[in-house]
Amino acid sequence: LEDITGLHARDIPIGDPETMSLFTSNKALKLLPGKDIGTNLGTYGIPEFGTKFVRQMLEDTKPTTFSELVRISGLSHGTDVWLGNAQELIREGKCDLSHSICARDDIMIYLIAIGVSAANAFKIMEGVRKGKGLTAEQEELMIKHNVPAWFIDSCKKIKYLFPKAHAAAYVIMALRIAWFKVYRPIYYYAAYFSKRAKEFDPEAFALGKNALTNRINEIERKIRDHQEVTNKEVDLLDELKIALEMVLRGYKFRQIDVNISDATNLVIAPDKKSLYLPFIAVDSLGETVAQSIVEARKKRAFSSKKDFEMRTSINKKQYANLVKLEAFGDLVDDDTTLL
């Protein structure tokens, strides 16, 4: 994103209200809650906050501050910290997000605050964060200092706790990328699909809203009906949803063009409203072949489809896929037809 926008990540404001709102709604994206993309949130494609697991955490906790996002990051990276632990405590009203155990630091800082010596607080934290629980002496010490029973039980369930500083670093990164999603959307989607997308469906992407929606429904129906779903389809599902989000925001994908597309990166069209899909979006066409196309084009423009075949590493199946996608535009079949 720095490369394609010229903006330095460190110059991006961390506490921007519109950016923060993505973690509780998709209003900043000007989408209808829950209806357009199947979620009330705007965190698809945001590092650490885009998975189904973390989106559910966001739905449950409704964070509005940087501190709360750091706590969620800690929860999502721990083991037996959220599911069957903090999630239940919050739902039962025994504690809220700001008082639950989310990172290892929370234990030590809290215990010191209520009068436990720094040495003992540190030892308790270290034992819990490694999944060793509490010794009888440590539990007795905590009871003596009036530590709530739910806090003690929570410590006993934890198998691993994330460090708070690491969680904070993740959140800072996520917020900077989220800022681009709100204020520089075409660049955000170009960067996301260039660097993070695992799968493409070039036909559905280029056809737009209805094709994307139908493909999403098709895969989700197979999952719901316990039909066989390939790993490619599982990976593709999230990409389809992010692609649909982009289209619903007024942007679109342009089909692969042998004269314009890049090997792996999406190319921003001059209108700044659309993206050319890369060659690797083609089924079975890998990065090596994609690079061979770009390198051949750098030497001189393709004069015909036959010229394209002769000067690249393309095989018959890959060539047929490009023809099907109409990636050759108005290129003639053979140079002899120009004579």
Protein backbone atom coordinates (compact mmCIF):
# COMPACT_ATOMS: atom_id res chain seq x y z
CA LEU A 1 0.00 0.00 0.00
CA GLU A 2 2.89 2.36 0.69
CA ASP A 3 4.37 1.52 -2.71
CA ILE A 4 1.21 2.16 -4.72
CA THR A 5 -0.12 5.20 -2.83
CA GLY A 6 3.06 7.01 -1.76
CA LEU A 7 1.66 7.28 1.78
CA HIS A 8 3.82 6.15 4.69
CA ALA A 9 2.07 3.81 7.10
CA ARG A 10 3.37 5.73 10.11
CA ASP A 11 1.59 8.87 8.91
CA ILE A 12 -1.80 7.17 9.12
CA PRO A 13 -3.91 8.16 12.18
CA ILE A 14 -4.58 5.27 14.55
CA GLY A 15 -7.73 6.59 16.22
CA ASP A 16 -9.74 7.62 13.16
CA PRO A 17 -13.49 7.18 14.03
CA GLU A 18 -14.55 5.92 10.59
CA THR A 19 -11.80 3.31 10.62
CA MET A 20 -12.67 2.22 14.16
CA SER A 21 -16.31 1.82 13.12
CA LEU A 22 -15.41 -1.10 10.82
CA PHE A 23 -15.09 -3.31 13.90
CA THR A 24 -18.74 -2.80 14.86
CA SER A 25 -20.51 -1.97 11.57
CA ASN A 26 -20.06 -1.57 7.82
CA LYS A 27 -21.59 1.91 7.64
CA ALA A 28 -18.24 3.46 6.72
CA LEU A 29 -18.30 1.22 3.63
CA LYS A 30 -21.83 2.48 2.87
CA LEU A 31 -23.25 -1.04 2.93
CA LEU A 32 -26.49 -2.31 4.46
CA PRO A 33 -25.87 -4.12 7.79
CA GLY A 34 -25.92 -7.88 7.34
CA LYS A 35 -27.75 -7.76 4.00
CA ASP A 36 -25.11 -6.97 1.41
CA ILE A 37 -22.20 -9.19 2.40
CA GLY A 38 -23.61 -11.41 5.14
CA THR A 39 -21.97 -9.57 8.03
CA ASN A 40 -22.67 -6.46 10.09
CA LEU A 41 -18.96 -5.68 10.19
CA GLY A 42 -16.45 -4.14 7.79
CA THR A 43 -13.44 -6.30 8.67
CA TYR A 44 -13.28 -8.71 5.73
CA GLY A 45 -9.65 -8.75 4.59
CA ILE A 46 -8.33 -6.86 7.64
CA PRO A 47 -5.36 -8.79 9.14
CA GLU A 48 -6.20 -10.54 12.43
CA PHE A 49 -9.86 -9.43 12.33
CA GLY A 50 -11.26 -10.92 9.12
CA THR A 51 -11.73 -14.58 10.03
CA LYS A 52 -15.11 -16.00 11.00
CA PHE A 53 -13.77 -16.81 14.49
CA VAL A 54 -12.62 -13.25 15.24
CA ARG A 55 -15.65 -11.66 13.56
CA GLN A 56 -17.82 -13.57 16.04
CA MET A 57 -15.68 -12.18 18.87
CA LEU A 58 -16.27 -8.69 17.51
CA GLU A 59 -20.01 -9.32 17.35
CA ASP A 60 -19.99 -10.53 20.97
CA THR A 61 -17.87 -7.73 22.43
CA LYS A 62 -18.62 -4.71 20.17
CA PRO A 63 -15.24 -2.95 20.65
CA THR A 64 -15.06 0.82 20.19
CA THR A 65 -11.56 1.64 21.46
CA PHE A 66 -7.97 0.76 20.58
CA SER A 67 -7.56 -0.86 24.01
CA GLU A 68 -10.51 -3.16 23.40
CA LEU A 69 -9.13 -4.23 20.02
CA VAL A 70 -5.83 -5.09 21.71
CA ARG A 71 -7.75 -7.23 24.20
CA ILE A 72 -9.56 -9.03 21.39
CA SER A 73 -6.26 -9.65 19.61
CA GLY A 74 -4.92 -11.20 22.81
CA LEU A 75 -8.01 -13.38 23.17
CA SER A 76 -7.89 -14.58 19.57
CA HIS A 77 -4.24 -15.66 19.79
CA GLY A 78 -4.48 -17.45 23.13
CA THR A 79 -5.45 -21.06 23.71
CA ASP A 80 -8.55 -21.79 25.84
CA VAL A 81 -8.75 -18.09 26.62
CA TRP A 82 -11.91 -17.17 24.70
CA LEU A 83 -13.97 -20.26 23.85
CA GLY A 84 -15.24 -21.94 26.99
CA ASN A 85 -13.69 -19.19 29.07
CA ALA A 86 -13.91 -15.41 28.57
CA GLN A 87 -16.77 -15.73 26.06
CA GLU A 88 -18.94 -17.51 28.61
CA LEU A 89 -17.98 -15.11 31.42
CA ILE A 90 -18.93 -12.09 29.31
CA ARG A 91 -22.20 -13.64 28.13
CA GLU A 92 -23.11 -14.57 31.73
CA GLY A 93 -22.33 -11.04 32.89
CA LYS A 94 -19.62 -12.12 35.34
CA CYS A 95 -17.14 -9.72 33.73
CA ASP A 96 -16.84 -7.48 30.69
CA LEU A 97 -14.19 -7.29 27.98
CA SER A 98 -12.12 -4.69 29.84
CA HIS A 99 -11.86 -6.89 32.96
CA SER A 100 -11.46 -10.36 31.44
CA ILE A 101 -8.08 -12.07 31.05
CA CYS A 102 -7.00 -11.39 27.47
CA ALA A 103 -3.18 -11.22 27.57
CA ARG A 104 -0.57 -12.45 30.03
CA ASP A 105 0.09 -8.91 31.29
CA ASP A 106 -3.51 -8.63 32.53
CA ILE A 107 -2.84 -11.15 35.30
CA MET A 108 0.33 -9.58 36.67
CA ILE A 109 -0.88 -5.98 36.49
CA TYR A 110 -4.19 -6.81 38.18
CA LEU A 111 -2.58 -8.82 40.98
CA ILE A 112 -0.03 -6.11 41.73
CA ALA A 113 -2.85 -3.52 41.77
CA ILE A 114 -4.69 -5.42 44.51
CA GLY A 115 -1.62 -5.88 46.69
CA VAL A 116 0.05 -9.11 45.57
CA SER A 117 3.84 -8.73 45.53
CA ALA A 118 5.40 -8.16 42.11
CA ALA A 119 7.42 -11.37 42.41
CA ASN A 120 4.37 -13.53 43.18
CA ALA A 121 2.25 -11.77 40.54
CA PHE A 122 4.93 -12.46 37.94
CA LYS A 123 5.21 -16.15 38.91
CA ILE A 124 1.45 -16.62 38.73
CA MET A 125 1.35 -14.94 35.32
CA GLU A 126 4.19 -17.10 34.00
CA GLY A 127 2.57 -20.32 35.20
CA VAL A 128 -0.82 -19.47 33.70
CA ARG A 129 0.47 -18.19 30.35
CA LYS A 130 2.39 -21.47 29.87
CA GLY A 131 -0.71 -23.51 30.63
CA LYS A 132 0.49 -24.76 34.01
CA GLY A 133 -2.45 -23.33 35.94
CA LEU A 134 -2.14 -22.39 39.60
CA THR A 135 -0.44 -24.09 42.51
CA ALA A 136 -2.42 -24.58 45.72
CA GLU A 137 -0.33 -21.86 47.39
CA GLN A 138 -0.94 -19.41 44.53
CA GLU A 139 -4.68 -20.02 44.61
CA GLU A 140 -4.73 -19.52 48.37
CA LEU A 141 -2.80 -16.26 47.97
CA MET A 142 -5.29 -15.02 45.39
CA ILE A 143 -8.27 -15.90 47.59
CA LYS A 144 -6.59 -14.08 50.48
CA HIS A 145 -6.47 -10.94 48.28
CA ASN A 146 -10.17 -11.32 47.36
CA VAL A 147 -9.59 -12.29 43.74
CA PRO A 148 -13.01 -13.27 42.29
CA ALA A 149 -13.68 -16.98 41.83
CA TRP A 150 -14.35 -16.49 38.09
CA PHE A 151 -10.86 -14.98 37.65
CA ILE A 152 -9.22 -17.93 39.41
CA ASP A 153 -11.25 -20.45 37.37
CA SER A 154 -10.32 -18.60 34.19
CA CYS A 155 -6.62 -18.89 35.05
CA LYS A 156 -6.97 -22.66 35.51
CA LYS A 157 -8.49 -23.15 32.02
CA ILE A 158 -5.86 -21.22 30.07
CA LYS A 159 -3.30 -23.19 28.03
CA TYR A 160 -1.46 -20.25 26.42
CA LEU A 161 -1.59 -16.45 26.75
CA PHE A 162 -0.41 -13.90 24.20
CA PRO A 163 1.84 -10.94 25.23
CA LYS A 164 -0.01 -7.62 25.20
CA ALA A 165 2.72 -5.72 23.30
CA HIS A 166 2.52 -8.25 20.46
CA ALA A 167 -1.26 -7.84 20.34
CA ALA A 168 -0.85 -4.05 20.24
CA ALA A 169 1.54 -4.31 17.29
CA TYR A 170 -0.98 -6.43 15.40
CA VAL A 171 -3.78 -3.94 16.07
CA ILE A 172 -1.70 -0.96 14.94
CA MET A 173 -0.98 -2.79 11.67
CA ALA A 174 -4.64 -3.75 11.25
CA LEU A 175 -5.87 -0.20 11.84
CA ARG A 176 -3.45 1.25 9.30
CA ILE A 177 -4.60 -1.22 6.65
CA ALA A 178 -8.25 -0.63 7.63
CA TRP A 179 -7.70 3.12 7.08
CA PHE A 180 -6.81 2.41 3.45
CA LYS A 181 -9.93 0.29 3.12
CA VAL A 182 -12.07 3.26 4.18
CA TYR A 183 -10.25 6.16 2.46
CA ARG A 184 -8.29 4.60 -0.44
CA PRO A 185 -10.52 1.65 -1.37
CA ILE A 186 -9.31 0.89 -4.89
CA TYR A 187 -5.72 0.76 -3.63
CA TYR A 188 -6.73 -1.39 -0.66
CA TYR A 189 -8.49 -3.96 -2.85
CA ALA A 190 -5.63 -3.94 -5.36
CA ALA A 191 -3.15 -4.66 -2.55
CA TYR A 192 -5.34 -7.26 -0.86
CA PHE A 193 -6.02 -9.32 -3.96
CA SER A 194 -2.40 -8.98 -5.11
CA LYS A 195 -0.80 -10.06 -1.83
CA ARG A 196 -3.35 -12.00 0.22
CA ALA A 197 -5.91 -13.68 -2.05
CA LYS A 198 -5.52 -17.46 -2.11
CA GLU A 199 -7.90 -18.18 -4.98
CA PHE A 200 -9.64 -16.43 -7.87
CA ASP A 201 -12.69 -17.13 -9.99
CA PRO A 202 -11.96 -14.77 -12.91
CA GLU A 203 -15.34 -15.35 -14.56
CA ALA A 204 -17.37 -14.55 -11.43
CA PHE A 205 -15.10 -11.65 -10.45
CA ALA A 206 -15.41 -9.94 -13.83
CA LEU A 207 -19.16 -10.55 -14.20
CA GLY A 208 -19.92 -8.71 -10.96
CA LYS A 209 -22.57 -8.76 -8.25
CA ASN A 210 -24.96 -11.49 -9.41
CA ALA A 211 -22.22 -13.91 -10.47
CA LEU A 212 -20.34 -13.40 -7.19
CA THR A 213 -23.51 -13.83 -5.12
CA ASN A 214 -24.45 -17.00 -6.99
CA ARG A 215 -20.98 -18.50 -6.52
CA ILE A 216 -21.02 -17.68 -2.80
CA ASN A 217 -24.48 -19.24 -2.40
CA GLU A 218 -23.37 -22.33 -4.33
CA ILE A 219 -20.39 -23.02 -2.06
CA GLU A 220 -22.27 -22.18 1.15
CA ARG A 221 -25.13 -24.48 0.11
CA LYS A 222 -22.66 -27.35 -0.40
CA ILE A 223 -21.18 -26.71 3.05
CA ARG A 224 -24.62 -26.48 4.63
CA ASP A 225 -25.80 -29.71 2.95
CA HIS A 226 -22.57 -31.53 3.92
CA GLN A 227 -21.63 -32.09 0.28
CA GLU A 228 -18.02 -32.50 -0.76
CA VAL A 229 -16.26 -29.14 -0.84
CA THR A 230 -12.73 -28.79 -2.20
CA ASN A 231 -9.98 -26.89 -0.40
CA LYS A 232 -9.97 -24.49 -3.34
CA GLU A 233 -13.66 -23.73 -2.80
CA VAL A 234 -13.11 -23.15 0.93
CA ASP A 235 -10.29 -20.69 0.20
CA LEU A 236 -12.28 -19.08 -2.60
CA LEU A 237 -15.32 -18.37 -0.41
CA ASP A 238 -13.69 -15.55 1.58
CA GLU A 239 -12.20 -14.03 -1.58
CA LEU A 240 -15.63 -14.02 -3.23
CA LYS A 241 -17.10 -12.17 -0.25
CA ILE A 242 -14.38 -9.52 -0.32
CA ALA A 243 -14.81 -9.22 -4.09
CA LEU A 244 -18.58 -8.75 -3.61
CA GLU A 245 -17.92 -6.11 -0.96
CA MET A 246 -15.68 -4.23 -3.41
CA VAL A 247 -18.27 -4.40 -6.20
CA LEU A 248 -21.07 -3.23 -3.90
CA ARG A 249 -18.95 -0.20 -3.03
CA GLY A 250 -18.99 0.88 -6.68
CA TYR A 251 -15.79 -0.70 -8.00
CA LYS A 252 -15.33 -3.57 -10.44
CA PHE A 253 -12.92 -6.14 -11.79
CA ARG A 254 -11.82 -6.12 -15.41
CA GLN A 255 -11.12 -9.41 -17.12
CA ILE A 256 -7.52 -10.45 -17.79
CA ASP A 257 -6.01 -8.60 -20.74
CA VAL A 258 -2.82 -9.99 -22.30
CA ASN A 259 -1.70 -6.46 -23.13
CA ILE A 260 -2.29 -4.95 -19.66
CA SER A 261 -2.53 -7.56 -16.86
CA ASP A 262 0.38 -8.26 -14.51
CA ALA A 263 1.66 -11.70 -13.54
CA THR A 264 0.54 -11.61 -9.90
CA ASN A 265 -0.63 -8.09 -9.03
CA LEU A 266 -3.94 -6.50 -9.94
CA VAL A 267 -3.50 -3.42 -12.12
CA ILE A 268 -5.48 -0.29 -11.29
CA ALA A 269 -7.23 0.95 -14.44
CA PRO A 270 -6.91 4.65 -15.43
CA ASP A 271 -10.48 5.28 -14.23
CA LYS A 272 -9.36 4.44 -10.63
CA LYS A 273 -12.62 2.51 -10.32
CA SER A 274 -11.61 -0.90 -11.64
CA LEU A 275 -8.89 -3.55 -11.41
CA TYR A 276 -7.45 -5.78 -14.11
CA LEU A 277 -7.16 -9.37 -12.89
CA PRO A 278 -3.66 -10.95 -12.99
CA PHE A 279 -2.56 -13.90 -15.10
CA ILE A 280 -2.31 -16.21 -12.08
CA ALA A 281 -6.09 -15.87 -11.68
CA VAL A 282 -6.39 -18.27 -14.62
CA ASP A 283 -7.00 -21.86 -13.56
CA SER A 284 -3.79 -23.96 -13.71
CA LEU A 285 -1.64 -20.98 -14.77
CA GLY A 286 1.20 -20.60 -12.25
CA GLU A 287 3.52 -17.74 -11.45
CA THR A 288 6.37 -18.95 -13.69
CA VAL A 289 4.18 -18.98 -16.79
CA ALA A 290 2.58 -15.68 -15.75
CA GLN A 291 6.01 -14.05 -15.48
CA SER A 292 6.99 -15.42 -18.89
CA ILE A 293 4.02 -13.58 -20.43
CA VAL A 294 5.00 -10.27 -18.82
CA GLU A 295 8.66 -10.67 -19.78
CA ALA A 296 7.77 -11.44 -23.42
CA ARG A 297 5.46 -8.40 -23.55
CA LYS A 298 8.23 -6.14 -22.21
CA LYS A 299 10.39 -7.03 -25.21
CA ARG A 300 7.63 -6.16 -27.67
CA ALA A 301 3.84 -6.14 -27.79
CA PHE A 302 2.09 -9.34 -28.91
CA SER A 303 1.15 -9.13 -32.57
CA SER A 304 -1.16 -12.17 -32.63
CA LYS A 305 -2.37 -15.14 -30.59
CA LYS A 306 0.17 -17.32 -32.39
CA ASP A 307 2.94 -14.86 -31.47
CA PHE A 308 1.73 -15.05 -27.84
CA GLU A 309 1.96 -18.86 -27.89
CA MET A 310 5.41 -18.85 -29.46
CA ARG A 311 7.01 -16.36 -27.06
CA THR A 312 5.60 -17.52 -23.70
CA SER A 313 5.67 -20.72 -21.64
CA ILE A 314 1.91 -21.20 -22.02
CA ASN A 315 0.53 -24.72 -22.56
CA LYS A 316 -2.59 -25.68 -24.53
CA LYS A 317 -4.91 -25.88 -21.51
CA GLN A 318 -3.79 -22.51 -20.16
CA TYR A 319 -4.10 -20.96 -23.63
CA ALA A 320 -7.62 -22.37 -23.97
CA ASN A 321 -8.56 -20.85 -20.61
CA LEU A 322 -7.33 -17.43 -21.75
CA VAL A 323 -9.32 -17.73 -24.96
CA LYS A 324 -12.43 -18.66 -22.97
CA LEU A 325 -11.96 -15.55 -20.81
CA GLU A 326 -11.54 -13.41 -23.96
CA ALA A 327 -8.21 -12.19 -22.63
CA PHE A 328 -6.81 -11.60 -26.13
CA GLY A 329 -9.17 -8.79 -27.03
CA ASP A 330 -9.00 -8.09 -30.74
CA LEU A 331 -5.65 -9.83 -31.38
CA VAL A 332 -5.74 -11.79 -34.65
CA ASP A 333 -5.09 -15.54 -34.66
CA ASP A 334 -1.91 -15.42 -36.75
CA ASP A 335 0.38 -12.74 -38.14
CA THR A 336 -0.19 -14.07 -41.66
CA THR A 337 -3.75 -12.76 -41.52
CA LEU A 338 -2.26 -9.26 -41.44
CA LEU A 339 -0.51 -9.71 -44.81
